[in-house]
């Protein structure tokens, strides 16, 4: 009977570990994000971007460092529909908008979270500009996306293709939830992070 009990405990422990994921508590974390203010779908004019809100929640939980991807020449419209047209043109052109700033100690990080809005089932092209600047060897990447119905789309596979890194299970959240339901959003973010091992 004791052997059976011991075997069951080992199995249950293994299942719990599998459900939670690897222990990431000692991982050095970088949270990279691209986010927009101004007029956004279903939330009106905002002063803090949807993705920025989620990025800060992740950084707080993981004790990670934040890096915001910013355009060198930010001429994007602040109105929603004109912005979507610019995003569509950039995607069609496979553009690489110039960005400012760099993560000097990028090699030091074990896990990099990459967050963005979902623009036309993809990341904004500036995120590709960021990704293509670094060596991702040996890193784990966790995608997160804000959207209003498109979810993650093919963003995790695009990140994997670009970085050749190990891509962890991604997370998506409605933009209006990030803006207007902060406590519930934080619960969802924390639940995802716990499954990743944080």
N, C-alpha and C. Protein backbone atom coordinates (compact mmCIF):
# COMPACT_ATOMS: atom_id res chain seq x y z
N UNK A 1 0.83 -1.21 0.00
CA UNK A 1 0.00 0.00 0.00
C UNK A 1 0.87 1.27 0.00
N UNK A 2 1.94 1.23 0.81
CA UNK A 2 2.84 2.39 0.87
C UNK A 2 3.50 2.63 -0.49
N UNK A 3 3.86 1.53 -1.20
CA UNK A 3 4.49 1.67 -2.51
C UNK A 3 3.52 2.31 -3.51
N UNK A 4 2.26 1.88 -3.45
CA UNK A 4 1.22 2.43 -4.34
C UNK A 4 1.04 3.92 -4.06
N UNK A 5 0.97 4.28 -2.78
CA UNK A 5 0.82 5.69 -2.40
C UNK A 5 2.01 6.53 -2.88
N UNK A 6 3.22 5.98 -2.69
CA UNK A 6 4.44 6.69 -3.11
C UNK A 6 4.44 6.89 -4.62
N UNK A 7 4.03 5.85 -5.36
CA UNK A 7 3.98 5.94 -6.83
C UNK A 7 2.97 7.00 -7.27
N UNK A 8 1.80 7.01 -6.61
CA UNK A 8 0.78 8.01 -6.95
C UNK A 8 1.28 9.43 -6.67
N UNK A 9 2.00 9.62 -5.57
CA UNK A 9 2.53 10.95 -5.23
C UNK A 9 3.55 11.41 -6.27
N UNK A 10 4.39 10.50 -6.72
CA UNK A 10 5.38 10.84 -7.75
C UNK A 10 4.69 11.25 -9.04
N UNK A 11 3.65 10.49 -9.42
CA UNK A 11 2.91 10.80 -10.64
C UNK A 11 2.22 12.16 -10.53
N UNK A 12 1.58 12.42 -9.38
CA UNK A 12 0.89 13.69 -9.18
C UNK A 12 1.87 14.86 -9.20
N UNK A 13 3.02 14.68 -8.58
CA UNK A 13 4.06 15.73 -8.58
C UNK A 13 4.52 16.02 -10.01
N UNK A 14 4.69 14.97 -10.78
CA UNK A 14 5.10 15.13 -12.18
C UNK A 14 4.06 15.86 -12.99
N UNK A 15 2.77 15.54 -12.75
CA UNK A 15 1.69 16.20 -13.47
C UNK A 15 1.62 17.68 -13.11
N UNK A 16 1.80 17.99 -11.84
CA UNK A 16 1.77 19.39 -11.39
C UNK A 16 2.91 20.17 -12.05
N UNK A 17 4.09 19.58 -12.07
CA UNK A 17 5.24 20.25 -12.68
C UNK A 17 5.00 20.49 -14.17
N UNK A 18 4.40 19.49 -14.84
CA UNK A 18 4.11 19.62 -16.27
C UNK A 18 3.10 20.73 -16.51
N UNK A 19 2.05 20.78 -15.65
CA UNK A 19 1.01 21.78 -15.83
C UNK A 19 1.56 23.19 -15.62
N UNK A 20 2.48 23.33 -14.67
CA UNK A 20 3.02 24.65 -14.36
C UNK A 20 4.12 25.05 -15.33
N UNK A 21 4.85 24.12 -15.84
CA UNK A 21 5.97 24.45 -16.71
C UNK A 21 7.26 24.48 -15.92
N UNK A 22 8.36 24.71 -16.61
CA UNK A 22 9.67 24.72 -15.97
C UNK A 22 9.75 25.87 -14.97
N UNK A 23 10.59 25.71 -13.97
CA UNK A 23 10.77 26.76 -12.97
C UNK A 23 11.58 27.91 -13.57
N UNK A 24 10.94 29.05 -13.72
CA UNK A 24 11.58 30.22 -14.33
C UNK A 24 11.91 31.28 -13.28
N UNK A 25 11.80 30.93 -12.01
CA UNK A 25 11.93 31.94 -10.96
C UNK A 25 13.30 32.63 -10.95
N UNK A 26 14.33 31.95 -11.43
CA UNK A 26 15.67 32.55 -11.44
C UNK A 26 16.08 33.08 -12.82
N UNK A 27 15.16 33.02 -13.78
CA UNK A 27 15.48 33.48 -15.13
C UNK A 27 15.59 35.01 -15.16
N UNK A 28 16.54 35.49 -15.94
CA UNK A 28 16.66 36.95 -16.15
C UNK A 28 15.74 37.31 -17.31
N UNK A 29 14.81 38.23 -17.05
CA UNK A 29 13.70 38.49 -17.96
C UNK A 29 13.76 39.90 -18.55
N UNK A 30 13.48 39.96 -19.86
CA UNK A 30 13.31 41.22 -20.56
C UNK A 30 11.91 41.25 -21.15
N UNK A 31 11.20 42.34 -20.94
CA UNK A 31 9.85 42.50 -21.50
C UNK A 31 9.91 43.62 -22.55
N UNK A 32 9.80 43.21 -23.81
CA UNK A 32 9.87 44.14 -24.94
C UNK A 32 8.46 44.36 -25.46
N UNK A 33 8.11 45.61 -25.74
CA UNK A 33 6.75 45.83 -26.25
C UNK A 33 6.68 47.02 -27.18
N UNK A 34 5.69 46.95 -28.07
CA UNK A 34 5.33 48.07 -28.95
C UNK A 34 3.88 48.39 -28.65
N UNK A 35 3.57 49.64 -28.40
CA UNK A 35 2.21 50.00 -28.00
C UNK A 35 1.87 51.39 -28.53
N UNK A 36 0.58 51.65 -28.70
CA UNK A 36 0.14 52.94 -29.23
C UNK A 36 -0.88 53.60 -28.32
N UNK A 37 -0.80 54.93 -28.27
CA UNK A 37 -1.83 55.71 -27.60
C UNK A 37 -2.69 56.36 -28.69
N UNK A 38 -3.52 57.32 -28.31
CA UNK A 38 -4.41 57.94 -29.29
C UNK A 38 -5.69 57.15 -29.42
N UNK A 39 -6.34 57.27 -30.56
CA UNK A 39 -7.63 56.59 -30.77
C UNK A 39 -7.40 55.11 -31.07
N UNK A 40 -8.03 54.27 -30.27
CA UNK A 40 -7.91 52.82 -30.46
C UNK A 40 -9.30 52.19 -30.50
N UNK A 41 -9.40 51.13 -31.26
CA UNK A 41 -10.69 50.47 -31.47
C UNK A 41 -11.32 50.04 -30.14
N UNK A 42 -12.56 50.39 -29.96
CA UNK A 42 -13.43 50.01 -28.83
C UNK A 42 -13.04 50.62 -27.48
N UNK A 43 -11.96 51.40 -27.42
CA UNK A 43 -11.61 52.04 -26.14
C UNK A 43 -11.50 53.55 -26.24
N UNK A 44 -11.64 54.11 -27.44
CA UNK A 44 -11.56 55.55 -27.61
C UNK A 44 -10.13 56.06 -27.53
N UNK A 45 -9.98 57.32 -27.14
CA UNK A 45 -8.65 57.93 -27.04
C UNK A 45 -8.01 57.55 -25.72
N UNK A 46 -6.81 56.98 -25.80
CA UNK A 46 -6.14 56.49 -24.59
C UNK A 46 -4.78 57.14 -24.43
N UNK A 47 -4.35 57.29 -23.18
CA UNK A 47 -3.05 57.91 -22.90
C UNK A 47 -1.99 56.86 -22.55
N UNK A 48 -2.43 55.63 -22.31
CA UNK A 48 -1.50 54.51 -22.09
C UNK A 48 -1.95 53.37 -22.99
N UNK A 49 -1.04 52.84 -23.79
CA UNK A 49 -1.39 51.80 -24.75
C UNK A 49 -1.82 50.50 -24.09
N UNK A 50 -2.69 49.75 -24.78
CA UNK A 50 -3.17 48.46 -24.27
C UNK A 50 -2.02 47.49 -23.99
N UNK A 51 -1.11 47.39 -24.96
CA UNK A 51 0.01 46.46 -24.81
C UNK A 51 0.96 46.91 -23.70
N UNK A 52 1.13 48.22 -23.54
CA UNK A 52 1.98 48.76 -22.48
C UNK A 52 1.46 48.33 -21.10
N UNK A 53 0.15 48.35 -20.94
CA UNK A 53 -0.46 47.96 -19.66
C UNK A 53 -0.09 46.52 -19.34
N UNK A 54 -0.24 45.63 -20.32
CA UNK A 54 0.06 44.21 -20.11
C UNK A 54 1.56 44.01 -19.86
N UNK A 55 2.38 44.73 -20.62
CA UNK A 55 3.84 44.62 -20.46
C UNK A 55 4.26 44.94 -19.03
N UNK A 56 3.68 45.98 -18.47
CA UNK A 56 4.03 46.39 -17.10
C UNK A 56 3.59 45.35 -16.08
N UNK A 57 2.45 44.71 -16.34
CA UNK A 57 1.99 43.63 -15.45
C UNK A 57 2.97 42.45 -15.48
N UNK A 58 3.45 42.12 -16.67
CA UNK A 58 4.40 41.01 -16.83
C UNK A 58 5.71 41.34 -16.12
N UNK A 59 6.20 42.56 -16.33
CA UNK A 59 7.47 42.98 -15.72
C UNK A 59 7.37 42.95 -14.20
N UNK A 60 6.22 43.36 -13.67
CA UNK A 60 6.04 43.37 -12.22
C UNK A 60 6.07 41.95 -11.66
N UNK A 61 5.37 41.04 -12.31
CA UNK A 61 5.28 39.65 -11.84
C UNK A 61 6.62 38.91 -11.98
N UNK A 62 7.33 39.14 -13.08
CA UNK A 62 8.56 38.39 -13.36
C UNK A 62 9.82 39.12 -12.87
N UNK A 63 9.64 40.35 -12.37
CA UNK A 63 10.77 41.23 -11.99
C UNK A 63 11.69 41.47 -13.20
N UNK A 64 11.06 41.56 -14.36
CA UNK A 64 11.80 41.76 -15.60
C UNK A 64 12.07 43.23 -15.91
N UNK A 65 12.98 43.47 -16.83
CA UNK A 65 13.29 44.81 -17.31
C UNK A 65 12.40 45.13 -18.50
N UNK A 66 11.97 46.38 -18.59
CA UNK A 66 11.10 46.82 -19.68
C UNK A 66 11.88 47.53 -20.78
N UNK A 67 11.51 47.25 -22.02
CA UNK A 67 12.07 47.98 -23.16
C UNK A 67 10.94 48.26 -24.13
N UNK A 68 10.66 49.55 -24.38
CA UNK A 68 9.62 49.92 -25.33
C UNK A 68 10.22 50.17 -26.70
N UNK A 69 9.66 49.54 -27.70
CA UNK A 69 10.09 49.77 -29.09
C UNK A 69 9.45 51.08 -29.54
N UNK A 70 10.30 52.06 -29.87
CA UNK A 70 9.82 53.37 -30.31
C UNK A 70 10.37 53.70 -31.69
N UNK A 71 9.54 54.31 -32.50
CA UNK A 71 9.94 54.68 -33.85
C UNK A 71 10.84 55.91 -33.83
N UNK A 72 11.83 55.92 -34.70
CA UNK A 72 12.72 57.09 -34.80
C UNK A 72 11.95 58.28 -35.37
N UNK A 73 11.19 58.03 -36.41
CA UNK A 73 10.37 59.09 -37.01
C UNK A 73 8.91 58.66 -36.90
N UNK A 74 8.31 58.99 -35.78
CA UNK A 74 6.94 58.52 -35.52
C UNK A 74 5.92 59.46 -36.17
N UNK A 75 5.58 59.12 -37.40
CA UNK A 75 4.58 59.90 -38.13
C UNK A 75 3.26 59.14 -38.23
N UNK A 76 3.10 58.08 -37.43
CA UNK A 76 1.86 57.31 -37.47
C UNK A 76 0.68 58.20 -37.08
N UNK A 77 -0.45 58.06 -37.77
CA UNK A 77 -1.64 58.83 -37.38
C UNK A 77 -2.11 58.42 -35.98
N UNK A 78 -2.71 59.38 -35.29
CA UNK A 78 -3.26 59.07 -33.96
C UNK A 78 -4.70 58.59 -34.06
N UNK A 79 -5.33 58.76 -35.24
CA UNK A 79 -6.70 58.28 -35.45
C UNK A 79 -6.65 56.81 -35.87
N UNK A 80 -7.62 56.05 -35.41
CA UNK A 80 -7.60 54.59 -35.57
C UNK A 80 -7.58 54.15 -37.04
N UNK A 81 -8.55 54.58 -37.85
CA UNK A 81 -8.64 54.06 -39.22
C UNK A 81 -7.45 54.46 -40.10
N UNK A 82 -7.00 55.70 -40.05
CA UNK A 82 -5.78 56.03 -40.81
C UNK A 82 -4.57 55.21 -40.36
N UNK A 83 -4.48 54.93 -39.06
CA UNK A 83 -3.38 54.10 -38.56
C UNK A 83 -3.43 52.70 -39.15
N UNK A 84 -4.64 52.13 -39.25
CA UNK A 84 -4.75 50.77 -39.80
C UNK A 84 -4.31 50.74 -41.27
N UNK A 85 -4.55 51.83 -41.99
CA UNK A 85 -4.13 51.89 -43.39
C UNK A 85 -2.60 51.93 -43.51
N UNK A 86 -1.97 52.72 -42.64
CA UNK A 86 -0.51 52.77 -42.63
C UNK A 86 0.06 51.40 -42.28
N UNK A 87 -0.54 50.75 -41.28
CA UNK A 87 -0.10 49.42 -40.86
C UNK A 87 -0.22 48.42 -42.01
N UNK A 88 -1.31 48.53 -42.76
CA UNK A 88 -1.52 47.62 -43.90
C UNK A 88 -0.46 47.85 -44.98
N UNK A 89 -0.15 49.11 -45.26
CA UNK A 89 0.86 49.44 -46.28
C UNK A 89 2.25 48.93 -45.86
N UNK A 90 2.58 49.11 -44.58
CA UNK A 90 3.89 48.65 -44.10
C UNK A 90 4.00 47.13 -44.17
N UNK A 91 2.91 46.46 -43.83
CA UNK A 91 2.93 44.99 -43.90
C UNK A 91 3.11 44.52 -45.34
N UNK A 92 2.37 45.15 -46.26
CA UNK A 92 2.46 44.79 -47.68
C UNK A 92 3.88 45.00 -48.21
N UNK A 93 4.53 46.06 -47.74
CA UNK A 93 5.89 46.39 -48.20
C UNK A 93 6.96 45.62 -47.42
N UNK A 94 6.54 44.85 -46.41
CA UNK A 94 7.48 44.18 -45.51
C UNK A 94 8.52 45.18 -44.99
N UNK A 95 8.00 46.34 -44.57
CA UNK A 95 8.85 47.46 -44.15
C UNK A 95 9.59 47.15 -42.85
N UNK A 96 10.67 47.87 -42.64
CA UNK A 96 11.41 47.80 -41.38
C UNK A 96 11.63 49.23 -40.88
N UNK A 97 10.61 49.80 -40.22
CA UNK A 97 10.74 51.17 -39.73
C UNK A 97 11.91 51.29 -38.77
N UNK A 98 12.61 52.41 -38.85
CA UNK A 98 13.77 52.63 -37.99
C UNK A 98 13.29 52.89 -36.56
N UNK A 99 13.97 52.27 -35.60
CA UNK A 99 13.60 52.45 -34.20
C UNK A 99 14.77 53.08 -33.44
N UNK A 100 14.45 53.60 -32.25
CA UNK A 100 15.49 54.23 -31.43
C UNK A 100 15.78 53.36 -30.21
N UNK A 101 17.01 53.47 -29.73
CA UNK A 101 17.39 52.72 -28.53
C UNK A 101 17.79 51.30 -28.84
N UNK A 102 18.51 50.71 -27.90
CA UNK A 102 19.01 49.35 -28.07
C UNK A 102 19.19 48.73 -26.69
N UNK A 103 19.03 47.41 -26.61
CA UNK A 103 19.27 46.69 -25.36
C UNK A 103 20.73 46.26 -25.37
N UNK A 104 21.56 47.00 -24.67
CA UNK A 104 23.01 46.76 -24.71
C UNK A 104 23.41 45.41 -24.11
N UNK A 105 22.68 44.97 -23.09
CA UNK A 105 23.04 43.71 -22.41
C UNK A 105 22.09 42.58 -22.80
N UNK A 106 21.65 42.57 -24.06
CA UNK A 106 20.66 41.59 -24.52
C UNK A 106 21.11 40.15 -24.26
N UNK A 107 22.39 39.88 -24.39
CA UNK A 107 22.92 38.52 -24.20
C UNK A 107 22.69 38.00 -22.78
N UNK A 108 22.48 38.90 -21.82
CA UNK A 108 22.32 38.49 -20.42
C UNK A 108 20.96 37.87 -20.11
N UNK A 109 19.98 38.07 -21.00
CA UNK A 109 18.61 37.64 -20.69
C UNK A 109 18.35 36.19 -21.11
N UNK A 110 17.61 35.48 -20.26
CA UNK A 110 17.22 34.09 -20.53
C UNK A 110 15.88 34.02 -21.25
N UNK A 111 14.95 34.86 -20.82
CA UNK A 111 13.59 34.86 -21.37
C UNK A 111 13.24 36.27 -21.84
N UNK A 112 12.74 36.36 -23.07
CA UNK A 112 12.32 37.65 -23.61
C UNK A 112 10.83 37.57 -23.96
N UNK A 113 10.05 38.41 -23.31
CA UNK A 113 8.63 38.55 -23.66
C UNK A 113 8.54 39.59 -24.76
N UNK A 114 7.79 39.29 -25.82
CA UNK A 114 7.60 40.24 -26.91
C UNK A 114 6.11 40.53 -27.05
N UNK A 115 5.75 41.80 -26.87
CA UNK A 115 4.34 42.18 -26.92
C UNK A 115 4.04 43.23 -27.96
N UNK A 116 2.86 43.12 -28.55
CA UNK A 116 2.43 44.10 -29.55
C UNK A 116 0.92 44.00 -29.75
N UNK A 117 0.35 45.02 -30.37
CA UNK A 117 -1.03 44.87 -30.85
C UNK A 117 -1.04 43.93 -32.06
N UNK A 118 -2.18 43.36 -32.34
CA UNK A 118 -2.34 42.55 -33.54
C UNK A 118 -2.79 43.47 -34.66
N UNK A 119 -1.89 43.69 -35.63
CA UNK A 119 -2.20 44.52 -36.79
C UNK A 119 -2.27 43.63 -38.02
N UNK A 120 -3.46 43.47 -38.55
CA UNK A 120 -3.64 42.67 -39.76
C UNK A 120 -3.06 41.26 -39.59
N UNK A 121 -3.39 40.64 -38.45
CA UNK A 121 -2.96 39.27 -38.13
C UNK A 121 -1.44 39.14 -38.01
N UNK A 122 -0.78 40.22 -37.67
CA UNK A 122 0.67 40.21 -37.56
C UNK A 122 1.10 41.25 -36.53
N UNK A 123 2.40 41.29 -36.24
CA UNK A 123 2.95 42.33 -35.39
C UNK A 123 3.21 43.57 -36.24
N UNK A 124 3.24 44.75 -35.62
CA UNK A 124 3.71 45.92 -36.34
C UNK A 124 5.13 45.67 -36.86
N UNK A 125 5.44 46.20 -38.02
CA UNK A 125 6.73 45.91 -38.66
C UNK A 125 7.93 46.37 -37.81
N UNK A 126 7.71 47.36 -36.95
CA UNK A 126 8.81 47.83 -36.08
C UNK A 126 9.28 46.74 -35.13
N UNK A 127 8.42 45.80 -34.81
CA UNK A 127 8.82 44.68 -33.94
C UNK A 127 9.81 43.78 -34.66
N UNK A 128 9.63 43.62 -35.96
CA UNK A 128 10.61 42.85 -36.75
C UNK A 128 11.95 43.58 -36.80
N UNK A 129 11.89 44.91 -36.90
CA UNK A 129 13.14 45.69 -36.86
C UNK A 129 13.90 45.36 -35.59
N UNK A 130 13.18 45.34 -34.47
CA UNK A 130 13.81 45.02 -33.18
C UNK A 130 14.39 43.60 -33.20
N UNK A 131 13.58 42.63 -33.57
CA UNK A 131 14.00 41.22 -33.48
C UNK A 131 15.24 40.94 -34.33
N UNK A 132 15.32 41.57 -35.49
CA UNK A 132 16.41 41.28 -36.42
C UNK A 132 17.75 41.89 -36.00
N UNK A 133 17.76 42.68 -34.92
CA UNK A 133 18.99 43.31 -34.45
C UNK A 133 19.80 42.44 -33.50
N UNK A 134 19.23 41.32 -33.05
CA UNK A 134 19.86 40.58 -31.95
C UNK A 134 20.08 39.10 -32.28
N UNK A 135 20.97 38.51 -31.50
CA UNK A 135 21.23 37.07 -31.56
C UNK A 135 20.37 36.41 -30.48
N UNK A 136 19.48 35.53 -30.91
CA UNK A 136 18.51 34.91 -30.01
C UNK A 136 18.92 33.51 -29.57
N UNK A 137 20.14 33.12 -29.85
CA UNK A 137 20.60 31.77 -29.52
C UNK A 137 20.43 31.48 -28.03
N UNK A 138 19.79 30.35 -27.73
CA UNK A 138 19.63 29.91 -26.35
C UNK A 138 18.54 30.60 -25.56
N UNK A 139 17.80 31.53 -26.19
CA UNK A 139 16.78 32.26 -25.45
C UNK A 139 15.39 31.62 -25.63
N UNK A 140 14.55 31.84 -24.63
CA UNK A 140 13.14 31.48 -24.72
C UNK A 140 12.37 32.77 -24.95
N UNK A 141 11.36 32.70 -25.83
CA UNK A 141 10.57 33.88 -26.16
C UNK A 141 9.10 33.60 -25.85
N UNK A 142 8.47 34.56 -25.17
CA UNK A 142 7.05 34.43 -24.83
C UNK A 142 6.27 35.58 -25.47
N UNK A 143 5.42 35.28 -26.47
CA UNK A 143 4.66 36.34 -27.14
C UNK A 143 3.42 36.73 -26.34
N UNK A 144 3.10 38.02 -26.37
CA UNK A 144 1.80 38.47 -25.85
C UNK A 144 1.24 39.54 -26.77
N UNK A 145 -0.08 39.52 -26.90
CA UNK A 145 -0.75 40.34 -27.91
C UNK A 145 -2.02 40.95 -27.33
N UNK A 146 -2.27 42.22 -27.68
CA UNK A 146 -3.58 42.81 -27.42
C UNK A 146 -4.32 42.93 -28.75
N UNK A 147 -5.62 42.80 -28.70
CA UNK A 147 -6.40 42.71 -29.94
C UNK A 147 -7.87 43.01 -29.62
N UNK A 148 -8.69 42.99 -30.65
CA UNK A 148 -10.14 43.08 -30.44
C UNK A 148 -10.87 41.98 -31.20
N UNK A 149 -10.27 40.79 -31.23
CA UNK A 149 -10.94 39.65 -31.85
C UNK A 149 -10.03 38.74 -32.64
N UNK A 150 -8.81 39.18 -32.93
CA UNK A 150 -7.90 38.39 -33.77
C UNK A 150 -7.00 37.45 -32.99
N UNK A 151 -6.92 37.61 -31.68
CA UNK A 151 -6.08 36.75 -30.85
C UNK A 151 -4.61 36.83 -31.25
N UNK A 152 -3.94 35.70 -31.11
CA UNK A 152 -2.50 35.64 -31.43
C UNK A 152 -2.23 35.53 -32.93
N UNK A 153 -3.24 35.09 -33.70
CA UNK A 153 -3.06 34.83 -35.14
C UNK A 153 -1.82 33.95 -35.34
N UNK A 154 -0.97 34.31 -36.30
CA UNK A 154 0.24 33.51 -36.56
C UNK A 154 1.48 34.16 -35.95
N UNK A 155 1.27 35.06 -34.99
CA UNK A 155 2.39 35.81 -34.41
C UNK A 155 3.43 34.90 -33.75
N UNK A 156 3.05 33.89 -32.96
CA UNK A 156 4.10 33.03 -32.38
C UNK A 156 4.98 32.36 -33.44
N UNK A 157 4.38 31.89 -34.53
CA UNK A 157 5.20 31.24 -35.57
C UNK A 157 6.06 32.26 -36.31
N UNK A 158 5.59 33.50 -36.45
CA UNK A 158 6.40 34.55 -37.08
C UNK A 158 7.61 34.88 -36.21
N UNK A 159 7.40 34.90 -34.90
CA UNK A 159 8.51 35.15 -33.97
C UNK A 159 9.52 34.02 -34.05
N UNK A 160 9.02 32.79 -34.08
CA UNK A 160 9.91 31.63 -34.15
C UNK A 160 10.73 31.65 -35.44
N UNK A 161 10.07 31.98 -36.55
CA UNK A 161 10.75 32.03 -37.84
C UNK A 161 11.83 33.11 -37.87
N UNK A 162 11.55 34.25 -37.24
CA UNK A 162 12.48 35.38 -37.26
C UNK A 162 13.65 35.19 -36.30
N UNK A 163 13.36 34.69 -35.09
CA UNK A 163 14.40 34.60 -34.06
C UNK A 163 15.09 33.24 -34.01
N UNK A 164 14.42 32.21 -34.51
CA UNK A 164 14.91 30.81 -34.40
C UNK A 164 15.04 30.39 -32.93
N UNK A 165 14.36 31.09 -32.05
CA UNK A 165 14.42 30.78 -30.61
C UNK A 165 13.29 29.83 -30.23
N UNK A 166 13.36 29.31 -29.02
CA UNK A 166 12.26 28.49 -28.49
C UNK A 166 11.13 29.42 -28.08
N UNK A 167 9.96 29.24 -28.69
CA UNK A 167 8.82 30.11 -28.40
C UNK A 167 7.87 29.40 -27.44
N UNK A 168 7.64 30.05 -26.32
CA UNK A 168 6.74 29.52 -25.29
C UNK A 168 5.29 29.82 -25.64
N UNK A 169 4.37 29.22 -24.89
CA UNK A 169 2.94 29.44 -25.13
C UNK A 169 2.60 30.92 -24.99
N UNK A 170 1.96 31.46 -26.01
CA UNK A 170 1.64 32.89 -26.02
C UNK A 170 0.38 33.24 -25.26
N UNK A 171 0.13 34.53 -25.15
CA UNK A 171 -1.01 35.06 -24.40
C UNK A 171 -1.64 36.19 -25.20
N UNK A 172 -2.96 36.23 -25.22
CA UNK A 172 -3.65 37.34 -25.87
C UNK A 172 -4.74 37.88 -24.95
N UNK A 173 -4.98 39.17 -25.06
CA UNK A 173 -5.97 39.84 -24.22
C UNK A 173 -6.64 40.93 -25.03
N UNK A 174 -7.96 41.04 -24.87
CA UNK A 174 -8.68 42.12 -25.53
C UNK A 174 -8.16 43.46 -25.03
N UNK A 175 -7.99 44.41 -25.95
CA UNK A 175 -7.52 45.73 -25.57
C UNK A 175 -8.45 46.43 -24.58
N UNK A 176 -9.77 46.25 -24.79
CA UNK A 176 -10.72 46.91 -23.88
C UNK A 176 -10.65 46.31 -22.47
N UNK A 177 -10.26 45.04 -22.38
CA UNK A 177 -10.05 44.45 -21.05
C UNK A 177 -8.84 45.08 -20.37
N UNK A 178 -7.75 45.21 -21.12
CA UNK A 178 -6.53 45.80 -20.56
C UNK A 178 -6.81 47.20 -20.04
N UNK A 179 -7.60 47.98 -20.80
CA UNK A 179 -7.89 49.36 -20.41
C UNK A 179 -8.88 49.46 -19.26
N UNK A 180 -9.96 48.69 -19.33
CA UNK A 180 -11.11 48.92 -18.44
C UNK A 180 -11.32 47.87 -17.35
N UNK A 181 -10.60 46.76 -17.44
CA UNK A 181 -10.78 45.69 -16.44
C UNK A 181 -9.40 45.26 -15.94
N UNK A 182 -8.72 46.18 -15.29
CA UNK A 182 -7.32 45.98 -14.92
C UNK A 182 -7.14 44.79 -13.97
N UNK A 183 -7.99 44.69 -12.95
CA UNK A 183 -7.81 43.61 -11.97
C UNK A 183 -8.01 42.24 -12.61
N UNK A 184 -9.07 42.11 -13.42
CA UNK A 184 -9.33 40.84 -14.11
C UNK A 184 -8.20 40.54 -15.09
N UNK A 185 -7.70 41.57 -15.76
CA UNK A 185 -6.60 41.37 -16.72
C UNK A 185 -5.36 40.87 -16.00
N UNK A 186 -5.07 41.44 -14.84
CA UNK A 186 -3.89 41.03 -14.09
C UNK A 186 -4.01 39.56 -13.65
N UNK A 187 -5.20 39.14 -13.27
CA UNK A 187 -5.43 37.74 -12.89
C UNK A 187 -5.12 36.83 -14.08
N UNK A 188 -5.57 37.22 -15.27
CA UNK A 188 -5.32 36.42 -16.48
C UNK A 188 -3.83 36.39 -16.83
N UNK A 189 -3.18 37.54 -16.72
CA UNK A 189 -1.74 37.61 -17.00
C UNK A 189 -0.98 36.72 -16.02
N UNK A 190 -1.29 36.86 -14.72
CA UNK A 190 -0.61 36.07 -13.69
C UNK A 190 -0.81 34.57 -13.89
N UNK A 191 -2.02 34.19 -14.28
CA UNK A 191 -2.32 32.77 -14.52
C UNK A 191 -1.47 32.22 -15.66
N UNK A 192 -1.34 32.99 -16.73
CA UNK A 192 -0.48 32.58 -17.86
C UNK A 192 0.97 32.46 -17.42
N UNK A 193 1.44 33.45 -16.68
CA UNK A 193 2.84 33.43 -16.23
C UNK A 193 3.12 32.25 -15.31
N UNK A 194 2.17 31.92 -14.46
CA UNK A 194 2.35 30.76 -13.57
C UNK A 194 2.47 29.48 -14.37
N UNK A 195 1.70 29.37 -15.44
CA UNK A 195 1.80 28.18 -16.31
C UNK A 195 3.15 28.10 -17.00
N UNK A 196 3.76 29.26 -17.24
CA UNK A 196 5.10 29.28 -17.83
C UNK A 196 6.20 28.98 -16.81
N UNK A 197 5.83 29.05 -15.52
CA UNK A 197 6.81 28.74 -14.48
C UNK A 197 7.25 29.92 -13.64
N UNK A 198 6.56 31.08 -13.79
CA UNK A 198 6.91 32.27 -13.03
C UNK A 198 6.03 32.40 -11.77
